[in-house]
Amino acid sequence: MRRGGRMFEQGDLRLLILKLIEEKPRHGYDLIKAIEERLGGMYAPSPGVVYPTLTLLEDMGQITPVPGEGSKKLFALSDDGREYLAANSEAVDAAFARMKAAEAAFGAGPSPRIIRAMENLKLALRLKMGAGGLSDAQAESIADVIDAAAKAVEKA
């Protein structure tokens, strides 16, 4: 982590996003997840940072929207983006090296997919129990499902 709790130095996130888009066309959520996975789940940039960065990169002509599936806006690297990455290859390599070092220093951490699944379960339980008035049969059924999931996790 950088001073003040920042993961990246000024301009690093822009370079990382360009490099990830160079690997394959991506949309905002995919970029957030790709960065989170490369940091072992210890950090994910917020949508409030990623989407304005994508808008900036598009305005600068470094990325361009391409047709994709669904309603998500998919971006590919433009020729200007490739030139910018090439001109800043040392900074890109340094940013990826810092990501790797941060992951090594803090450990890979739990899988982001497992964390997401645990949070989904907690939310579903809170919503169900918050609705109030669970019958004995409902409570027993929920407990049975959780017990079965725990047994399956132990075997995995």
C-alpha atoms as a PDB file:
ATOM      1  CA  MET A   1       0.000   0.000   0.000  1.00  0.00           C
ATOM      2  CA  ARG A   2       1.195   3.518  -0.735  1.00  0.00           C
ATOM      3  CA  ARG A   3       1.433   6.292   1.849  1.00  0.00           C
ATOM      4  CA  GLY A   4      -2.019   7.414   2.971  1.00  0.00           C
ATOM      5  CA  GLY A   5      -3.548   4.026   2.205  1.00  0.00           C
ATOM      6  CA  ARG A   6      -3.389   4.405  -1.568  1.00  0.00           C
ATOM      7  CA  MET A   7      -2.673   1.261  -3.523  1.00  0.00           C
ATOM      8  CA  PHE A   8      -1.326   3.015  -6.610  1.00  0.00           C
ATOM      9  CA  GLU A   9       0.755   6.067  -7.372  1.00  0.00           C
ATOM     10  CA  GLN A  10      -0.592   8.857  -9.566  1.00  0.00           C
ATOM     11  CA  GLY A  11      -1.302   7.482 -13.048  1.00  0.00           C
ATOM     12  CA  ASP A  12      -0.668   3.816 -12.136  1.00  0.00           C
ATOM     13  CA  LEU A  13      -4.306   2.784 -12.343  1.00  0.00           C
ATOM     14  CA  ARG A  14      -4.617   4.319 -15.801  1.00  0.00           C
ATOM     15  CA  LEU A  15      -1.599   2.312 -16.986  1.00  0.00           C
ATOM     16  CA  LEU A  16      -2.885  -0.893 -15.380  1.00  0.00           C
ATOM     17  CA  ILE A  17      -6.273  -0.473 -17.021  1.00  0.00           C
ATOM     18  CA  LEU A  18      -4.658   0.120 -20.418  1.00  0.00           C
ATOM     19  CA  LYS A  19      -2.439  -2.951 -19.992  1.00  0.00           C
ATOM     20  CA  LEU A  20      -5.370  -5.150 -18.974  1.00  0.00           C
ATOM     21  CA  ILE A  21      -7.403  -3.902 -21.941  1.00  0.00           C
ATOM     22  CA  GLU A  22      -4.410  -4.632 -24.175  1.00  0.00           C
ATOM     23  CA  GLU A  23      -4.609  -8.280 -23.037  1.00  0.00           C
ATOM     24  CA  LYS A  24      -8.246  -8.476 -24.149  1.00  0.00           C
ATOM     25  CA  PRO A  25     -11.200  -6.124 -24.544  1.00  0.00           C
ATOM     26  CA  ARG A  26     -12.812  -5.522 -21.154  1.00  0.00           C
ATOM     27  CA  HIS A  27     -15.622  -3.654 -19.435  1.00  0.00           C
ATOM     28  CA  GLY A  28     -15.415  -1.815 -16.118  1.00  0.00           C
ATOM     29  CA  TYR A  29     -16.555  -4.618 -13.838  1.00  0.00           C
ATOM     30  CA  ASP A  30     -14.141  -7.043 -15.516  1.00  0.00           C
ATOM     31  CA  LEU A  31     -11.287  -4.599 -14.887  1.00  0.00           C
ATOM     32  CA  ILE A  32     -12.210  -4.283 -11.205  1.00  0.00           C
ATOM     33  CA  LYS A  33     -12.261  -8.070 -10.845  1.00  0.00           C
ATOM     34  CA  ALA A  34      -8.999  -8.539 -12.793  1.00  0.00           C
ATOM     35  CA  ILE A  35      -7.167  -6.104 -10.508  1.00  0.00           C
ATOM     36  CA  GLU A  36      -8.723  -7.669  -7.419  1.00  0.00           C
ATOM     37  CA  GLU A  37      -7.662 -11.159  -8.527  1.00  0.00           C
ATOM     38  CA  ARG A  38      -4.105 -10.023  -9.286  1.00  0.00           C
ATOM     39  CA  LEU A  39      -3.915  -8.643  -5.760  1.00  0.00           C
ATOM     40  CA  GLY A  40      -5.219 -11.841  -4.189  1.00  0.00           C
ATOM     41  CA  GLY A  41      -8.491 -10.243  -3.127  1.00  0.00           C
ATOM     42  CA  MET A  42      -6.815  -7.721  -0.802  1.00  0.00           C
ATOM     43  CA  TYR A  43      -7.863  -4.684  -2.865  1.00  0.00           C
ATOM     44  CA  ALA A  44     -10.326  -3.832  -5.581  1.00  0.00           C
ATOM     45  CA  PRO A  45     -10.582  -0.367  -7.104  1.00  0.00           C
ATOM     46  CA  SER A  46     -13.986   1.211  -6.668  1.00  0.00           C
ATOM     47  CA  PRO A  47     -16.346   1.760  -9.586  1.00  0.00           C
ATOM     48  CA  GLY A  48     -16.131   5.471  -8.695  1.00  0.00           C
ATOM     49  CA  VAL A  49     -12.483   5.385  -9.753  1.00  0.00           C
ATOM     50  CA  VAL A  50     -12.549   2.873 -12.620  1.00  0.00           C
ATOM     51  CA  TYR A  51     -15.458   4.239 -14.660  1.00  0.00           C
ATOM     52  CA  PRO A  52     -14.243   7.862 -14.721  1.00  0.00           C
ATOM     53  CA  THR A  53     -10.799   6.538 -15.705  1.00  0.00           C
ATOM     54  CA  LEU A  54     -12.386   4.646 -18.600  1.00  0.00           C
ATOM     55  CA  THR A  55     -14.195   7.817 -19.668  1.00  0.00           C
ATOM     56  CA  LEU A  56     -10.928   9.765 -19.514  1.00  0.00           C
ATOM     57  CA  LEU A  57      -9.075   7.121 -21.545  1.00  0.00           C
ATOM     58  CA  GLU A  58     -11.863   7.100 -24.127  1.00  0.00           C
ATOM     59  CA  ASP A  59     -11.829  10.921 -24.311  1.00  0.00           C
ATOM     60  CA  MET A  60      -8.034  10.798 -24.778  1.00  0.00           C
ATOM     61  CA  GLY A  61      -8.487   8.324 -27.649  1.00  0.00           C
ATOM     62  CA  GLN A  62      -6.505   5.576 -25.924  1.00  0.00           C
ATOM     63  CA  ILE A  63      -9.407   3.116 -25.760  1.00  0.00           C
ATOM     64  CA  THR A  64     -12.419   2.682 -27.942  1.00  0.00           C
ATOM     65  CA  PRO A  65     -15.779   0.990 -27.371  1.00  0.00           C
ATOM     66  CA  VAL A  66     -16.281  -2.243 -29.285  1.00  0.00           C
ATOM     67  CA  PRO A  67     -19.389  -4.361 -29.775  1.00  0.00           C
ATOM     68  CA  GLY A  68     -19.883  -6.884 -27.003  1.00  0.00           C
ATOM     69  CA  GLU A  69     -22.521  -9.090 -25.522  1.00  0.00           C
ATOM     70  CA  GLY A  70     -25.168  -7.544 -23.316  1.00  0.00           C
ATOM     71  CA  SER A  71     -25.424  -3.944 -22.220  1.00  0.00           C
ATOM     72  CA  LYS A  72     -21.950  -3.578 -20.725  1.00  0.00           C
ATOM     73  CA  LYS A  73     -19.661  -1.177 -22.559  1.00  0.00           C
ATOM     74  CA  LEU A  74     -16.650  -3.153 -23.784  1.00  0.00           C
ATOM     75  CA  PHE A  75     -13.377  -1.374 -24.533  1.00  0.00           C
ATOM     76  CA  ALA A  76     -10.403  -2.229 -26.731  1.00  0.00           C
ATOM     77  CA  LEU A  77      -7.047  -0.504 -26.935  1.00  0.00           C
ATOM     78  CA  SER A  78      -6.637   2.043 -29.722  1.00  0.00           C
ATOM     79  CA  ASP A  79      -3.417   2.718 -31.630  1.00  0.00           C
ATOM     80  CA  ASP A  80      -2.873   5.778 -29.408  1.00  0.00           C
ATOM     81  CA  GLY A  81      -3.296   3.555 -26.353  1.00  0.00           C
ATOM     82  CA  ARG A  82      -0.719   1.086 -27.684  1.00  0.00           C
ATOM     83  CA  GLU A  83       1.740   3.905 -28.326  1.00  0.00           C
ATOM     84  CA  TYR A  84       1.168   5.316 -24.842  1.00  0.00           C
ATOM     85  CA  LEU A  85       1.745   1.902 -23.255  1.00  0.00           C
ATOM     86  CA  ALA A  86       4.919   1.374 -25.281  1.00  0.00           C
ATOM     87  CA  ALA A  87       6.235   4.804 -24.293  1.00  0.00           C
ATOM     88  CA  ASN A  88       5.491   4.058 -20.628  1.00  0.00           C
ATOM     89  CA  SER A  89       6.459   0.382 -20.525  1.00  0.00           C
ATOM     90  CA  GLU A  90       8.866   0.873 -17.609  1.00  0.00           C
ATOM     91  CA  ALA A  91       6.134   2.508 -15.515  1.00  0.00           C
ATOM     92  CA  VAL A  92       3.694  -0.287 -16.444  1.00  0.00           C
ATOM     93  CA  ASP A  93       6.230  -2.946 -15.450  1.00  0.00           C
ATOM     94  CA  ALA A  94       6.914  -1.110 -12.172  1.00  0.00           C
ATOM     95  CA  ALA A  95       3.191  -0.878 -11.346  1.00  0.00           C
ATOM     96  CA  PHE A  96       2.675  -4.600 -11.993  1.00  0.00           C
ATOM     97  CA  ALA A  97       5.790  -5.362  -9.918  1.00  0.00           C
ATOM     98  CA  ARG A  98       4.324  -3.339  -7.015  1.00  0.00           C
ATOM     99  CA  MET A  99       1.085  -5.300  -7.318  1.00  0.00           C
ATOM    100  CA  LYS A 100       3.018  -8.565  -7.168  1.00  0.00           C
ATOM    101  CA  ALA A 101       5.044  -7.344  -4.183  1.00  0.00           C
ATOM    102  CA  ALA A 102       1.889  -6.249  -2.349  1.00  0.00           C
ATOM    103  CA  GLU A 103       0.313  -9.643  -2.909  1.00  0.00           C
ATOM    104  CA  ALA A 104       3.468 -11.366  -1.620  1.00  0.00           C
ATOM    105  CA  ALA A 105       3.686  -9.062   1.417  1.00  0.00           C
ATOM    106  CA  PHE A 106       0.078  -9.399   2.447  1.00  0.00           C
ATOM    107  CA  GLY A 107      -0.424 -12.969   1.275  1.00  0.00           C
ATOM    108  CA  ALA A 108      -2.750 -14.120  -1.409  1.00  0.00           C
ATOM    109  CA  GLY A 109      -5.656 -13.999   1.036  1.00  0.00           C
ATOM    110  CA  PRO A 110      -8.889 -15.845   0.615  1.00  0.00           C
ATOM    111  CA  SER A 111     -10.402 -16.307  -2.792  1.00  0.00           C
ATOM    112  CA  PRO A 112     -12.555 -13.350  -3.834  1.00  0.00           C
ATOM    113  CA  ARG A 113     -15.155 -15.844  -5.058  1.00  0.00           C
ATOM    114  CA  ILE A 114     -15.366 -17.458  -1.614  1.00  0.00           C
ATOM    115  CA  ILE A 115     -15.619 -14.079   0.110  1.00  0.00           C
ATOM    116  CA  ARG A 116     -18.415 -13.071  -2.277  1.00  0.00           C
ATOM    117  CA  ALA A 117     -20.279 -16.339  -1.639  1.00  0.00           C
ATOM    118  CA  MET A 118     -19.951 -15.932   2.148  1.00  0.00           C
ATOM    119  CA  GLU A 119     -21.272 -12.374   1.952  1.00  0.00           C
ATOM    120  CA  ASN A 120     -24.185 -13.533  -0.218  1.00  0.00           C
ATOM    121  CA  LEU A 121     -25.076 -16.187   2.365  1.00  0.00           C
ATOM    122  CA  LYS A 122     -24.890 -13.690   5.251  1.00  0.00           C
ATOM    123  CA  LEU A 123     -27.101 -11.239   3.376  1.00  0.00           C
ATOM    124  CA  ALA A 124     -29.658 -13.900   2.459  1.00  0.00           C
ATOM    125  CA  LEU A 125     -29.832 -15.003   6.101  1.00  0.00           C
ATOM    126  CA  ARG A 126     -30.193 -11.440   7.388  1.00  0.00           C
ATOM    127  CA  LEU A 127     -32.964 -10.708   4.902  1.00  0.00           C
ATOM    128  CA  LYS A 128     -34.810 -13.937   5.647  1.00  0.00           C
ATOM    129  CA  MET A 129     -34.523 -13.561   9.409  1.00  0.00           C
ATOM    130  CA  GLY A 130     -35.217  -9.828   9.258  1.00  0.00           C
ATOM    131  CA  ALA A 131     -38.523 -10.500   7.546  1.00  0.00           C
ATOM    132  CA  GLY A 132     -39.509 -12.036  10.870  1.00  0.00           C
ATOM    133  CA  GLY A 133     -41.825 -14.804  11.784  1.00  0.00           C
ATOM    134  CA  LEU A 134     -39.828 -17.849  10.674  1.00  0.00           C
ATOM    135  CA  SER A 135     -41.765 -20.991  11.378  1.00  0.00           C
ATOM    136  CA  ASP A 136     -40.067 -23.896  13.111  1.00  0.00           C
ATOM    137  CA  ALA A 137     -40.079 -25.777   9.797  1.00  0.00           C
ATOM    138  CA  GLN A 138     -38.427 -22.862   7.962  1.00  0.00           C
ATOM    139  CA  ALA A 139     -35.767 -22.483  10.662  1.00  0.00           C
ATOM    140  CA  GLU A 140     -35.035 -26.204  10.583  1.00  0.00           C
ATOM    141  CA  SER A 141     -34.849 -26.205   6.773  1.00  0.00           C
ATOM    142  CA  ILE A 142     -32.410 -23.276   6.749  1.00  0.00           C
ATOM    143  CA  ALA A 143     -30.261 -24.908   9.425  1.00  0.00           C
ATOM    144  CA  ASP A 144     -30.203 -28.165   7.418  1.00  0.00           C
ATOM    145  CA  VAL A 145     -29.064 -26.317   4.270  1.00  0.00           C
ATOM    146  CA  ILE A 146     -26.260 -24.541   6.172  1.00  0.00           C
ATOM    147  CA  ASP A 147     -25.176 -27.798   7.854  1.00  0.00           C
ATOM    148  CA  ALA A 148     -25.079 -29.545   4.452  1.00  0.00           C
ATOM    149  CA  ALA A 149     -23.013 -26.693   3.004  1.00  0.00           C
ATOM    150  CA  ALA A 150     -20.567 -26.918   5.924  1.00  0.00           C
ATOM    151  CA  LYS A 151     -20.147 -30.654   5.375  1.00  0.00           C
ATOM    152  CA  ALA A 152     -19.573 -30.100   1.638  1.00  0.00           C
ATOM    153  CA  VAL A 153     -16.913 -27.450   2.394  1.00  0.00           C
ATOM    154  CA  GLU A 154     -15.137 -29.832   4.777  1.00  0.00           C
ATOM    155  CA  LYS A 155     -14.968 -32.458   2.001  1.00  0.00           C
ATOM    156  CA  ALA A 156     -13.788 -30.017  -0.683  1.00  0.00           C
END
